[in-house]
Amino acid sequence: MGKGDKKTKRGKIIMGSYGKTRVHKTPKPAADTTTAKKAAAKKRPAKAKK
């Protein structure tokens, strides 16, 4: 089992194929910009008044 074996992860990397042993990462859906801005605004600490 090694580079020539289609059933192993190393073999799939060498051959450039995918399957159960070497799966694609699923892309995360793009977040709504308004939701992202609201979440970022909540995380920021309030500015101290001088």
PDB file of N, CA and C in Angstrom:
ATOM      1  N   MET A   1       0.850  -1.178   0.000  1.00  0.00           N
ATOM      2  CA  MET A   1       0.000   0.000   0.000  1.00  0.00           C
ATOM      3  C   MET A   1       0.895   1.241   0.000  1.00  0.00           C
ATOM      4  N   GLY A   2       0.663   2.080  -0.960  1.00  0.00           N
ATOM      5  CA  GLY A   2       1.482   3.269  -1.056  1.00  0.00           C
ATOM      6  C   GLY A   2       0.971   4.189  -2.134  1.00  0.00           C
ATOM      7  N   LYS A   3       1.910   4.738  -2.883  1.00  0.00           N
ATOM      8  CA  LYS A   3       1.561   5.736  -3.900  1.00  0.00           C
ATOM      9  C   LYS A   3       0.702   5.183  -5.036  1.00  0.00           C
ATOM     10  N   GLY A   4       0.838   3.926  -5.350  1.00  0.00           N
ATOM     11  CA  GLY A   4       0.089   3.348  -6.458  1.00  0.00           C
ATOM     12  C   GLY A   4      -1.265   2.774  -6.066  1.00  0.00           C
ATOM     13  N   ASP A   5      -1.561   2.744  -4.768  1.00  0.00           N
ATOM     14  CA  ASP A   5      -2.792   2.125  -4.296  1.00  0.00           C
ATOM     15  C   ASP A   5      -3.944   3.131  -4.331  1.00  0.00           C
ATOM     16  N   LYS A   6      -4.957   2.860  -5.150  1.00  0.00           N
ATOM     17  CA  LYS A   6      -6.089   3.782  -5.309  1.00  0.00           C
ATOM     18  C   LYS A   6      -6.942   3.907  -4.047  1.00  0.00           C
ATOM     19  N   LYS A   7      -6.867   2.922  -3.163  1.00  0.00           N
ATOM     20  CA  LYS A   7      -7.741   2.908  -1.982  1.00  0.00           C
ATOM     21  C   LYS A   7      -7.183   3.703  -0.801  1.00  0.00           C
ATOM     22  N   THR A   8      -5.922   4.111  -0.863  1.00  0.00           N
ATOM     23  CA  THR A   8      -5.340   4.850   0.253  1.00  0.00           C
ATOM     24  C   THR A   8      -5.338   6.346  -0.034  1.00  0.00           C
ATOM     25  N   LYS A   9      -5.246   7.124   1.029  1.00  0.00           N
ATOM     26  CA  LYS A   9      -5.229   8.587   0.886  1.00  0.00           C
ATOM     27  C   LYS A   9      -4.009   9.035   0.076  1.00  0.00           C
ATOM     28  N   ARG A  10      -2.872   8.442   0.352  1.00  0.00           N
ATOM     29  CA  ARG A  10      -1.635   8.806  -0.364  1.00  0.00           C
ATOM     30  C   ARG A  10      -1.763   8.497  -1.853  1.00  0.00           C
ATOM     31  N   GLY A  11      -2.354   7.363  -2.177  1.00  0.00           N
ATOM     32  CA  GLY A  11      -2.544   6.993  -3.574  1.00  0.00           C
ATOM     33  C   GLY A  11      -3.486   7.946  -4.289  1.00  0.00           C
ATOM     34  N   LYS A  12      -4.543   8.379  -3.592  1.00  0.00           N
ATOM     35  CA  LYS A  12      -5.498   9.310  -4.186  1.00  0.00           C
ATOM     36  C   LYS A  12      -4.859  10.685  -4.396  1.00  0.00           C
ATOM     37  N   ILE A  13      -3.993  11.099  -3.474  1.00  0.00           N
ATOM     38  CA  ILE A  13      -3.288  12.381  -3.627  1.00  0.00           C
ATOM     39  C   ILE A  13      -2.391  12.328  -4.867  1.00  0.00           C
ATOM     40  N   ILE A  14      -1.667  11.233  -5.027  1.00  0.00           N
ATOM     41  CA  ILE A  14      -0.765  11.067  -6.175  1.00  0.00           C
ATOM     42  C   ILE A  14      -1.557  11.048  -7.484  1.00  0.00           C
ATOM     43  N   MET A  15      -2.674  10.315  -7.512  1.00  0.00           N
ATOM     44  CA  MET A  15      -3.482  10.193  -8.731  1.00  0.00           C
ATOM     45  C   MET A  15      -4.365  11.409  -8.974  1.00  0.00           C
ATOM     46  N   GLY A  16      -4.611  12.197  -7.942  1.00  0.00           N
ATOM     47  CA  GLY A  16      -5.435  13.391  -8.090  1.00  0.00           C
ATOM     48  C   GLY A  16      -6.921  13.088  -8.076  1.00  0.00           C
ATOM     49  N   SER A  17      -7.315  11.975  -7.445  1.00  0.00           N
ATOM     50  CA  SER A  17      -8.729  11.630  -7.382  1.00  0.00           C
ATOM     51  C   SER A  17      -9.252  11.833  -5.964  1.00  0.00           C
ATOM     52  N   TYR A  18     -10.567  11.806  -5.835  1.00  0.00           N
ATOM     53  CA  TYR A  18     -11.210  11.987  -4.541  1.00  0.00           C
ATOM     54  C   TYR A  18     -12.147  10.824  -4.294  1.00  0.00           C
ATOM     55  N   GLY A  19     -12.623  10.685  -3.085  1.00  0.00           N
ATOM     56  CA  GLY A  19     -13.539   9.613  -2.740  1.00  0.00           C
ATOM     57  C   GLY A  19     -13.795   9.596  -1.253  1.00  0.00           C
ATOM     58  N   LYS A  20     -14.132   8.422  -0.734  1.00  0.00           N
ATOM     59  CA  LYS A  20     -14.455   8.300   0.687  1.00  0.00           C
ATOM     60  C   LYS A  20     -13.215   8.531   1.554  1.00  0.00           C
ATOM     61  N   THR A  21     -12.075   8.085   1.082  1.00  0.00           N
ATOM     62  CA  THR A  21     -10.833   8.227   1.844  1.00  0.00           C
ATOM     63  C   THR A  21     -10.309   9.656   1.801  1.00  0.00           C
ATOM     64  N   ARG A  22     -10.525  10.344   0.672  1.00  0.00           N
ATOM     65  CA  ARG A  22     -10.019  11.714   0.491  1.00  0.00           C
ATOM     66  C   ARG A  22     -11.167  12.564  -0.039  1.00  0.00           C
ATOM     67  N   VAL A  23     -11.877  13.187   0.869  1.00  0.00           N
ATOM     68  CA  VAL A  23     -13.061  13.958   0.480  1.00  0.00           C
ATOM     69  C   VAL A  23     -12.719  15.434   0.330  1.00  0.00           C
ATOM     70  N   HIS A  24     -13.550  16.129  -0.444  1.00  0.00           N
ATOM     71  CA  HIS A  24     -13.401  17.568  -0.605  1.00  0.00           C
ATOM     72  C   HIS A  24     -13.907  18.267   0.643  1.00  0.00           C
ATOM     73  N   LYS A  25     -13.329  19.400   0.979  1.00  0.00           N
ATOM     74  CA  LYS A  25     -13.863  20.232   2.055  1.00  0.00           C
ATOM     75  C   LYS A  25     -15.046  21.005   1.487  1.00  0.00           C
ATOM     76  N   THR A  26     -16.155  21.002   2.205  1.00  0.00           N
ATOM     77  CA  THR A  26     -17.329  21.724   1.723  1.00  0.00           C
ATOM     78  C   THR A  26     -17.143  23.214   1.999  1.00  0.00           C
ATOM     79  N   PRO A  27     -17.372  24.059   0.998  1.00  0.00           N
ATOM     80  CA  PRO A  27     -17.215  25.496   1.215  1.00  0.00           C
ATOM     81  C   PRO A  27     -18.331  26.019   2.117  1.00  0.00           C
ATOM     82  N   LYS A  28     -17.965  26.933   3.000  1.00  0.00           N
ATOM     83  CA  LYS A  28     -18.954  27.531   3.890  1.00  0.00           C
ATOM     84  C   LYS A  28     -19.769  28.551   3.100  1.00  0.00           C
ATOM     85  N   PRO A  29     -21.075  28.609   3.341  1.00  0.00           N
ATOM     86  CA  PRO A  29     -21.883  29.607   2.634  1.00  0.00           C
ATOM     87  C   PRO A  29     -21.503  31.018   3.082  1.00  0.00           C
ATOM     88  N   ALA A  30     -21.562  31.957   2.153  1.00  0.00           N
ATOM     89  CA  ALA A  30     -21.202  33.339   2.457  1.00  0.00           C
ATOM     90  C   ALA A  30     -22.205  33.920   3.441  1.00  0.00           C
ATOM     91  N   ALA A  31     -21.707  34.540   4.477  1.00  0.00           N
ATOM     92  CA  ALA A  31     -22.568  35.124   5.497  1.00  0.00           C
ATOM     93  C   ALA A  31     -23.164  36.429   4.990  1.00  0.00           C
ATOM     94  N   ASP A  32     -24.343  36.734   5.456  1.00  0.00           N
ATOM     95  CA  ASP A  32     -25.003  37.987   5.104  1.00  0.00           C
ATOM     96  C   ASP A  32     -24.182  39.133   5.695  1.00  0.00           C
ATOM     97  N   THR A  33     -23.932  40.177   4.930  1.00  0.00           N
ATOM     98  CA  THR A  33     -23.065  41.269   5.390  1.00  0.00           C
ATOM     99  C   THR A  33     -23.668  42.015   6.568  1.00  0.00           C
ATOM    100  N   THR A  34     -24.970  42.174   6.607  1.00  0.00           N
ATOM    101  CA  THR A  34     -25.581  42.903   7.723  1.00  0.00           C
ATOM    102  C   THR A  34     -25.450  42.111   9.013  1.00  0.00           C
ATOM    103  N   THR A  35     -25.588  40.800   8.937  1.00  0.00           N
ATOM    104  CA  THR A  35     -25.442  39.952  10.114  1.00  0.00           C
ATOM    105  C   THR A  35     -24.007  40.000  10.623  1.00  0.00           C
ATOM    106  N   ALA A  36     -23.054  39.986   9.707  1.00  0.00           N
ATOM    107  CA  ALA A  36     -21.647  40.018  10.085  1.00  0.00           C
ATOM    108  C   ALA A  36     -21.298  41.349  10.752  1.00  0.00           C
ATOM    109  N   LYS A  37     -21.848  42.440  10.249  1.00  0.00           N
ATOM    110  CA  LYS A  37     -21.566  43.755  10.824  1.00  0.00           C
ATOM    111  C   LYS A  37     -22.144  43.875  12.230  1.00  0.00           C
ATOM    112  N   LYS A  38     -23.355  43.351  12.428  1.00  0.00           N
ATOM    113  CA  LYS A  38     -23.980  43.404  13.752  1.00  0.00           C
ATOM    114  C   LYS A  38     -23.188  42.581  14.759  1.00  0.00           C
ATOM    115  N   ALA A  39     -22.715  41.418  14.344  1.00  0.00           N
ATOM    116  CA  ALA A  39     -21.938  40.561  15.231  1.00  0.00           C
ATOM    117  C   ALA A  39     -20.610  41.223  15.591  1.00  0.00           C
ATOM    118  N   ALA A  40     -19.993  41.887  14.620  1.00  0.00           N
ATOM    119  CA  ALA A  40     -18.717  42.567  14.869  1.00  0.00           C
ATOM    120  C   ALA A  40     -18.920  43.766  15.799  1.00  0.00           C
ATOM    121  N   ALA A  41     -20.047  44.454  15.649  1.00  0.00           N
ATOM    122  CA  ALA A  41     -20.316  45.623  16.484  1.00  0.00           C
ATOM    123  C   ALA A  41     -20.520  45.213  17.942  1.00  0.00           C
ATOM    124  N   LYS A  42     -21.099  44.064  18.172  1.00  0.00           N
ATOM    125  CA  LYS A  42     -21.329  43.595  19.543  1.00  0.00           C
ATOM    126  C   LYS A  42     -20.038  43.211  20.232  1.00  0.00           C
ATOM    127  N   LYS A  43     -19.059  42.757  19.491  1.00  0.00           N
ATOM    128  CA  LYS A  43     -17.803  42.290  20.067  1.00  0.00           C
ATOM    129  C   LYS A  43     -16.876  43.430  20.481  1.00  0.00           C
ATOM    130  N   ARG A  44     -17.043  44.604  19.882  1.00  0.00           N
ATOM    131  CA  ARG A  44     -16.143  45.726  20.182  1.00  0.00           C
ATOM    132  C   ARG A  44     -16.478  46.325  21.550  1.00  0.00           C
ATOM    133  N   PRO A  45     -15.468  46.610  22.349  1.00  0.00           N
ATOM    134  CA  PRO A  45     -15.738  47.254  23.630  1.00  0.00           C
ATOM    135  C   PRO A  45     -16.098  48.733  23.410  1.00  0.00           C
ATOM    136  N   ALA A  46     -16.871  49.285  24.305  1.00  0.00           N
ATOM    137  CA  ALA A  46     -17.268  50.681  24.206  1.00  0.00           C
ATOM    138  C   ALA A  46     -16.055  51.576  24.459  1.00  0.00           C
ATOM    139  N   LYS A  47     -16.005  52.679  23.701  1.00  0.00           N
ATOM    140  CA  LYS A  47     -14.889  53.609  23.882  1.00  0.00           C
ATOM    141  C   LYS A  47     -15.042  54.356  25.195  1.00  0.00           C
ATOM    142  N   ALA A  48     -13.935  54.539  25.878  1.00  0.00           N
ATOM    143  CA  ALA A  48     -13.958  55.275  27.162  1.00  0.00           C
ATOM    144  C   ALA A  48     -13.944  56.772  26.875  1.00  0.00           C
ATOM    145  N   LYS A  49     -14.834  57.474  27.508  1.00  0.00           N
ATOM    146  CA  LYS A  49     -14.884  58.928  27.325  1.00  0.00           C
ATOM    147  C   LYS A  49     -13.847  59.579  28.228  1.00  0.00           C
ATOM    148  N   LYS A  50     -13.204  60.603  27.704  1.00  0.00           N
ATOM    149  CA  LYS A  50     -12.154  61.290  28.482  1.00  0.00           C
ATOM    150  C   LYS A  50     -12.704  62.528  29.128  1.00  0.00           C
TER     151      LYS A  50
END
